């Protein structure tokens, strides 16, 4: 039977045709893999190029060549960060712990955010008991040393439209973390110690 199959030549021709198809698949697969590798290299090269930044001033646009490098954490950057945090955490029109927690979320750690929401909820339920409360900040000063970051300001608390000024000093525990669109410095408040005078 084997001799008849060889004499007819059909299985051999089928075997040769199958090998040719497999060779084409190998060549095609290698070509696709090479093209994918080339595209990956091209994408990596393009993603590491310095961006061109468009700055709009009124109706005019200015184009600036940007650079990709980490932003240094200088004293000015830390001051701006603390000013932004104090504005979000200590200035509000209504005492809504969840809304304040959402506002400060990009600038604080998750544990500290949960702790702040719990403390604000306790103040709302026990200290103010349904009264209309509004709070603002005046006279913000920030001192930065190697060991500490301290903000001093007056909290102007309005309870049913009656103002109460409370001198406040806050010592911050700052940590570095991931840089995000909302927190490009990657600086986060992990804790704070609040001193309030009478």
C-alpha atoms as a PDB file:
ATOM      1  CA  UNK A   1       0.000   0.000   0.000  1.00  0.00           C
ATOM      2  CA  UNK A   2       2.890   2.324   0.755  1.00  0.00           C
ATOM      3  CA  UNK A   3       4.359   1.565  -2.648  1.00  0.00           C
ATOM      4  CA  UNK A   4       1.088   2.418  -4.370  1.00  0.00           C
ATOM      5  CA  UNK A   5       0.942   5.789  -2.509  1.00  0.00           C
ATOM      6  CA  UNK A   6       4.502   6.616  -3.563  1.00  0.00           C
ATOM      7  CA  UNK A   7       3.795   5.564  -7.149  1.00  0.00           C
ATOM      8  CA  UNK A   8       0.687   7.736  -7.349  1.00  0.00           C
ATOM      9  CA  UNK A   9       2.643  10.668  -5.882  1.00  0.00           C
ATOM     10  CA  UNK A  10      -0.354  12.228  -4.216  1.00  0.00           C
ATOM     11  CA  UNK A  11       0.779  12.091  -0.564  1.00  0.00           C
ATOM     12  CA  UNK A  12       4.214  13.388  -1.486  1.00  0.00           C
ATOM     13  CA  UNK A  13       2.723  16.299  -3.406  1.00  0.00           C
ATOM     14  CA  UNK A  14       0.458  17.016  -0.466  1.00  0.00           C
ATOM     15  CA  UNK A  15       3.419  16.893   1.914  1.00  0.00           C
ATOM     16  CA  UNK A  16       5.421  19.328  -0.276  1.00  0.00           C
ATOM     17  CA  UNK A  17       2.432  21.699  -0.539  1.00  0.00           C
ATOM     18  CA  UNK A  18       1.935  21.600   3.235  1.00  0.00           C
ATOM     19  CA  UNK A  19       5.618  22.426   3.811  1.00  0.00           C
ATOM     20  CA  UNK A  20       5.363  25.377   1.392  1.00  0.00           C
ATOM     21  CA  UNK A  21       2.314  26.729   3.270  1.00  0.00           C
ATOM     22  CA  UNK A  22       4.109  26.329   6.611  1.00  0.00           C
ATOM     23  CA  UNK A  23       7.127  28.185   5.215  1.00  0.00           C
ATOM     24  CA  UNK A  24       4.864  31.049   4.059  1.00  0.00           C
ATOM     25  CA  UNK A  25       3.317  31.213   7.544  1.00  0.00           C
ATOM     26  CA  UNK A  26       6.802  31.334   9.096  1.00  0.00           C
ATOM     27  CA  UNK A  27       7.905  34.144   6.773  1.00  0.00           C
ATOM     28  CA  UNK A  28       4.626  36.033   7.309  1.00  0.00           C
ATOM     29  CA  UNK A  29       4.840  35.625  11.089  1.00  0.00           C
ATOM     30  CA  UNK A  30       8.442  36.842  11.134  1.00  0.00           C
ATOM     31  CA  UNK A  31       7.477  39.870   9.006  1.00  0.00           C
ATOM     32  CA  UNK A  32       4.570  40.766  11.308  1.00  0.00           C
ATOM     33  CA  UNK A  33       6.795  40.351  14.411  1.00  0.00           C
ATOM     34  CA  UNK A  34       9.444  42.596  12.828  1.00  0.00           C
ATOM     35  CA  UNK A  35       6.821  45.218  11.973  1.00  0.00           C
ATOM     36  CA  UNK A  36       5.449  45.113  15.539  1.00  0.00           C
ATOM     37  CA  UNK A  37       8.954  45.522  16.974  1.00  0.00           C
ATOM     38  CA  UNK A  38       9.565  48.492  14.661  1.00  0.00           C
ATOM     39  CA  UNK A  39       6.268  50.105  15.741  1.00  0.00           C
ATOM     40  CA  UNK A  40       7.115  49.616  19.441  1.00  0.00           C
ATOM     41  CA  UNK A  41      10.515  51.265  18.949  1.00  0.00           C
ATOM     42  CA  UNK A  42       8.886  54.127  17.023  1.00  0.00           C
ATOM     43  CA  UNK A  43       6.254  54.652  19.743  1.00  0.00           C
ATOM     44  CA  UNK A  44       8.885  54.672  22.500  1.00  0.00           C
ATOM     45  CA  UNK A  45      11.027  57.141  20.559  1.00  0.00           C
ATOM     46  CA  UNK A  46       8.107  59.484  19.905  1.00  0.00           C
ATOM     47  CA  UNK A  47       6.809  59.293  23.471  1.00  0.00           C
ATOM     48  CA  UNK A  48      10.169  60.406  24.883  1.00  0.00           C
ATOM     49  CA  UNK A  49      10.435  63.500  22.700  1.00  0.00           C
ATOM     50  CA  UNK A  50      10.094  66.857  24.411  1.00  0.00           C
ATOM     51  CA  UNK A  51       6.589  68.287  23.980  1.00  0.00           C
ATOM     52  CA  UNK A  52       5.694  71.596  22.407  1.00  0.00           C
ATOM     53  CA  UNK A  53       3.565  73.616  24.821  1.00  0.00           C
ATOM     54  CA  UNK A  54       1.075  76.231  23.610  1.00  0.00           C
ATOM     55  CA  UNK A  55       0.488  79.111  26.046  1.00  0.00           C
ATOM     56  CA  UNK A  56      -2.574  81.246  25.406  1.00  0.00           C
ATOM     57  CA  UNK A  57      -2.475  84.911  26.424  1.00  0.00           C
ATOM     58  CA  UNK A  58      -5.726  86.519  25.366  1.00  0.00           C
ATOM     59  CA  UNK A  59      -6.093  85.877  21.634  1.00  0.00           C
ATOM     60  CA  UNK A  60      -2.361  85.225  21.103  1.00  0.00           C
ATOM     61  CA  UNK A  61      -0.582  81.897  21.376  1.00  0.00           C
ATOM     62  CA  UNK A  62       3.052  81.412  22.322  1.00  0.00           C
ATOM     63  CA  UNK A  63       4.724  78.090  21.545  1.00  0.00           C
ATOM     64  CA  UNK A  64       7.476  76.853  23.844  1.00  0.00           C
ATOM     65  CA  UNK A  65       9.636  73.734  23.582  1.00  0.00           C
ATOM     66  CA  UNK A  66       9.134  71.825  26.833  1.00  0.00           C
ATOM     67  CA  UNK A  67      11.470  69.386  28.515  1.00  0.00           C
ATOM     68  CA  UNK A  68      10.780  66.119  30.302  1.00  0.00           C
ATOM     69  CA  UNK A  69      12.348  66.293  33.720  1.00  0.00           C
ATOM     70  CA  UNK A  70      11.050  66.059  37.267  1.00  0.00           C
ATOM     71  CA  UNK A  71       9.910  69.257  38.940  1.00  0.00           C
ATOM     72  CA  UNK A  72      12.229  70.064  41.846  1.00  0.00           C
ATOM     73  CA  UNK A  73      10.575  70.413  45.234  1.00  0.00           C
ATOM     74  CA  UNK A  74      11.769  73.875  46.146  1.00  0.00           C
ATOM     75  CA  UNK A  75      10.456  76.054  48.937  1.00  0.00           C
ATOM     76  CA  UNK A  76       8.225  78.048  46.553  1.00  0.00           C
ATOM     77  CA  UNK A  77       6.580  74.884  45.227  1.00  0.00           C
ATOM     78  CA  UNK A  78       5.914  73.595  48.741  1.00  0.00           C
ATOM     79  CA  UNK A  79       4.409  76.978  49.729  1.00  0.00           C
ATOM     80  CA  UNK A  80       2.066  76.928  46.729  1.00  0.00           C
ATOM     81  CA  UNK A  81       1.070  73.353  47.580  1.00  0.00           C
ATOM     82  CA  UNK A  82       0.280  74.279  51.201  1.00  0.00           C
ATOM     83  CA  UNK A  83      -1.661  77.393  50.080  1.00  0.00           C
ATOM     84  CA  UNK A  84      -3.768  75.231  47.752  1.00  0.00           C
ATOM     85  CA  UNK A  85      -4.390  72.641  50.451  1.00  0.00           C
ATOM     86  CA  UNK A  86      -5.348  75.233  53.098  1.00  0.00           C
ATOM     87  CA  UNK A  87      -7.728  76.859  50.610  1.00  0.00           C
ATOM     88  CA  UNK A  88      -9.444  73.542  49.889  1.00  0.00           C
ATOM     89  CA  UNK A  89      -9.500  72.170  53.443  1.00  0.00           C
ATOM     90  CA  UNK A  90     -10.223  75.285  55.512  1.00  0.00           C
ATOM     91  CA  UNK A  91     -12.365  77.468  53.213  1.00  0.00           C
ATOM     92  CA  UNK A  92     -15.895  76.318  52.511  1.00  0.00           C
ATOM     93  CA  UNK A  93     -19.407  77.740  52.244  1.00  0.00           C
ATOM     94  CA  UNK A  94     -21.184  74.800  53.875  1.00  0.00           C
ATOM     95  CA  UNK A  95     -19.856  72.117  56.188  1.00  0.00           C
ATOM     96  CA  UNK A  96     -20.219  69.091  53.908  1.00  0.00           C
ATOM     97  CA  UNK A  97     -17.574  66.527  54.965  1.00  0.00           C
ATOM     98  CA  UNK A  98     -17.886  64.393  51.814  1.00  0.00           C
ATOM     99  CA  UNK A  99     -17.573  67.393  49.474  1.00  0.00           C
ATOM    100  CA  UNK A 100     -14.546  68.725  51.370  1.00  0.00           C
ATOM    101  CA  UNK A 101     -13.070  65.198  51.284  1.00  0.00           C
ATOM    102  CA  UNK A 102     -13.483  65.114  47.486  1.00  0.00           C
ATOM    103  CA  UNK A 103     -11.845  68.538  47.161  1.00  0.00           C
ATOM    104  CA  UNK A 104      -8.744  67.587  49.138  1.00  0.00           C
ATOM    105  CA  UNK A 105      -8.482  64.014  47.734  1.00  0.00           C
ATOM    106  CA  UNK A 106      -5.782  64.781  45.097  1.00  0.00           C
ATOM    107  CA  UNK A 107      -3.542  66.385  47.748  1.00  0.00           C
ATOM    108  CA  UNK A 108      -3.797  63.940  50.668  1.00  0.00           C
ATOM    109  CA  UNK A 109      -3.235  60.263  51.387  1.00  0.00           C
ATOM    110  CA  UNK A 110      -6.281  57.990  51.537  1.00  0.00           C
ATOM    111  CA  UNK A 111      -5.917  57.348  55.291  1.00  0.00           C
ATOM    112  CA  UNK A 112      -5.675  61.050  56.085  1.00  0.00           C
ATOM    113  CA  UNK A 113      -8.693  61.804  53.873  1.00  0.00           C
ATOM    114  CA  UNK A 114     -10.812  59.230  55.726  1.00  0.00           C
ATOM    115  CA  UNK A 115      -9.665  60.679  59.056  1.00  0.00           C
ATOM    116  CA  UNK A 116     -10.562  64.241  57.964  1.00  0.00           C
ATOM    117  CA  UNK A 117     -14.028  63.205  56.769  1.00  0.00           C
ATOM    118  CA  UNK A 118     -14.661  61.476  60.114  1.00  0.00           C
ATOM    119  CA  UNK A 119     -13.537  64.543  62.105  1.00  0.00           C
ATOM    120  CA  UNK A 120     -15.619  66.951  59.991  1.00  0.00           C
ATOM    121  CA  UNK A 121     -18.665  64.668  60.321  1.00  0.00           C
ATOM    122  CA  UNK A 122     -18.242  64.662  64.091  1.00  0.00           C
ATOM    123  CA  UNK A 123     -17.998  68.478  64.147  1.00  0.00           C
ATOM    124  CA  UNK A 124     -21.091  68.771  61.970  1.00  0.00           C
ATOM    125  CA  UNK A 125     -23.176  66.387  64.053  1.00  0.00           C
ATOM    126  CA  UNK A 126     -22.012  67.232  67.592  1.00  0.00           C
ATOM    127  CA  UNK A 127     -20.507  70.736  67.637  1.00  0.00           C
ATOM    128  CA  UNK A 128     -22.751  72.623  65.219  1.00  0.00           C
ATOM    129  CA  UNK A 129     -25.912  70.444  65.278  1.00  0.00           C
ATOM    130  CA  UNK A 130     -27.617  71.694  62.115  1.00  0.00           C
ATOM    131  CA  UNK A 131     -26.512  75.334  62.342  1.00  0.00           C
ATOM    132  CA  UNK A 132     -25.465  77.136  59.165  1.00  0.00           C
ATOM    133  CA  UNK A 133     -21.666  77.181  59.186  1.00  0.00           C
ATOM    134  CA  UNK A 134     -19.249  78.922  56.789  1.00  0.00           C
ATOM    135  CA  UNK A 135     -15.484  79.144  57.105  1.00  0.00           C
ATOM    136  CA  UNK A 136     -12.740  81.191  55.463  1.00  0.00           C
ATOM    137  CA  UNK A 137      -9.024  81.830  55.951  1.00  0.00           C
ATOM    138  CA  UNK A 138      -7.214  85.158  56.441  1.00  0.00           C
ATOM    139  CA  UNK A 139      -3.582  86.138  56.865  1.00  0.00           C
ATOM    140  CA  UNK A 140      -1.960  82.907  55.671  1.00  0.00           C
ATOM    141  CA  UNK A 141       1.753  82.628  56.424  1.00  0.00           C
ATOM    142  CA  UNK A 142       3.894  79.566  55.716  1.00  0.00           C
ATOM    143  CA  UNK A 143       7.236  78.696  57.297  1.00  0.00           C
ATOM    144  CA  UNK A 144       9.338  75.911  55.827  1.00  0.00           C
ATOM    145  CA  UNK A 145      12.413  74.462  57.502  1.00  0.00           C
ATOM    146  CA  UNK A 146      14.371  71.265  56.959  1.00  0.00           C
ATOM    147  CA  UNK A 147      12.292  69.508  59.611  1.00  0.00           C
ATOM    148  CA  UNK A 148       8.832  71.036  59.356  1.00  0.00           C
ATOM    149  CA  UNK A 149       6.230  72.863  57.312  1.00  0.00           C
ATOM    150  CA  UNK A 150       3.988  75.134  59.385  1.00  0.00           C
ATOM    151  CA  UNK A 151       1.094  77.326  58.243  1.00  0.00           C
ATOM    152  CA  UNK A 152      -0.220  80.126  60.451  1.00  0.00           C
ATOM    153  CA  UNK A 153      -3.536  81.804  59.651  1.00  0.00           C
ATOM    154  CA  UNK A 154      -6.798  83.043  61.110  1.00  0.00           C
ATOM    155  CA  UNK A 155      -9.882  80.904  60.619  1.00  0.00           C
ATOM    156  CA  UNK A 156     -12.971  83.097  60.240  1.00  0.00           C
ATOM    157  CA  UNK A 157     -15.831  80.834  61.290  1.00  0.00           C
ATOM    158  CA  UNK A 158     -19.384  82.080  60.750  1.00  0.00           C
ATOM    159  CA  UNK A 159     -22.030  80.206  62.740  1.00  0.00           C
ATOM    160  CA  UNK A 160     -25.503  81.448  61.770  1.00  0.00           C
ATOM    161  CA  UNK A 161     -23.778  84.592  60.346  1.00  0.00           C
ATOM    162  CA  UNK A 162     -22.008  85.381  63.642  1.00  0.00           C
ATOM    163  CA  UNK A 163     -18.244  85.661  62.909  1.00  0.00           C
ATOM    164  CA  UNK A 164     -15.686  84.060  65.180  1.00  0.00           C
ATOM    165  CA  UNK A 165     -11.963  84.536  64.484  1.00  0.00           C
ATOM    166  CA  UNK A 166      -9.744  81.682  65.628  1.00  0.00           C
ATOM    167  CA  UNK A 167      -5.931  81.980  65.338  1.00  0.00           C
ATOM    168  CA  UNK A 168      -4.713  78.682  63.913  1.00  0.00           C
ATOM    169  CA  UNK A 169      -1.350  77.022  63.415  1.00  0.00           C
ATOM    170  CA  UNK A 170      -1.054  73.791  61.433  1.00  0.00           C
ATOM    171  CA  UNK A 171       2.061  71.626  61.294  1.00  0.00           C
ATOM    172  CA  UNK A 172       2.025  69.347  58.235  1.00  0.00           C
ATOM    173  CA  UNK A 173       3.446  65.904  57.671  1.00  0.00           C
ATOM    174  CA  UNK A 174       4.193  65.838  53.931  1.00  0.00           C
ATOM    175  CA  UNK A 175       5.164  62.740  51.941  1.00  0.00           C
ATOM    176  CA  UNK A 176       6.096  62.197  48.323  1.00  0.00           C
ATOM    177  CA  UNK A 177       4.067  59.893  46.104  1.00  0.00           C
ATOM    178  CA  UNK A 178       2.899  59.473  42.533  1.00  0.00           C
ATOM    179  CA  UNK A 179       2.774  62.530  40.288  1.00  0.00           C
ATOM    180  CA  UNK A 180      -0.670  62.974  38.746  1.00  0.00           C
ATOM    181  CA  UNK A 181      -2.472  65.479  36.560  1.00  0.00           C
ATOM    182  CA  UNK A 182      -4.050  67.004  39.678  1.00  0.00           C
ATOM    183  CA  UNK A 183      -0.888  66.775  41.772  1.00  0.00           C
ATOM    184  CA  UNK A 184       2.131  67.287  39.472  1.00  0.00           C
ATOM    185  CA  UNK A 185       4.528  67.701  42.412  1.00  0.00           C
ATOM    186  CA  UNK A 186       3.626  64.308  43.859  1.00  0.00           C
ATOM    187  CA  UNK A 187       3.430  65.864  47.326  1.00  0.00           C
ATOM    188  CA  UNK A 188       0.748  64.626  49.751  1.00  0.00           C
ATOM    189  CA  UNK A 189      -0.466  65.582  53.218  1.00  0.00           C
ATOM    190  CA  UNK A 190      -0.240  62.464  55.380  1.00  0.00           C
ATOM    191  CA  UNK A 191      -1.039  64.159  58.685  1.00  0.00           C
ATOM    192  CA  UNK A 192      -1.392  67.479  60.427  1.00  0.00           C
ATOM    193  CA  UNK A 193      -1.258  68.804  63.954  1.00  0.00           C
ATOM    194  CA  UNK A 194      -3.629  71.729  64.524  1.00  0.00           C
ATOM    195  CA  UNK A 195      -3.199  74.298  67.289  1.00  0.00           C
ATOM    196  CA  UNK A 196      -6.076  76.728  67.706  1.00  0.00           C
ATOM    197  CA  UNK A 197      -5.991  79.712  70.019  1.00  0.00           C
ATOM    198  CA  UNK A 198      -8.883  81.499  71.624  1.00  0.00           C
END
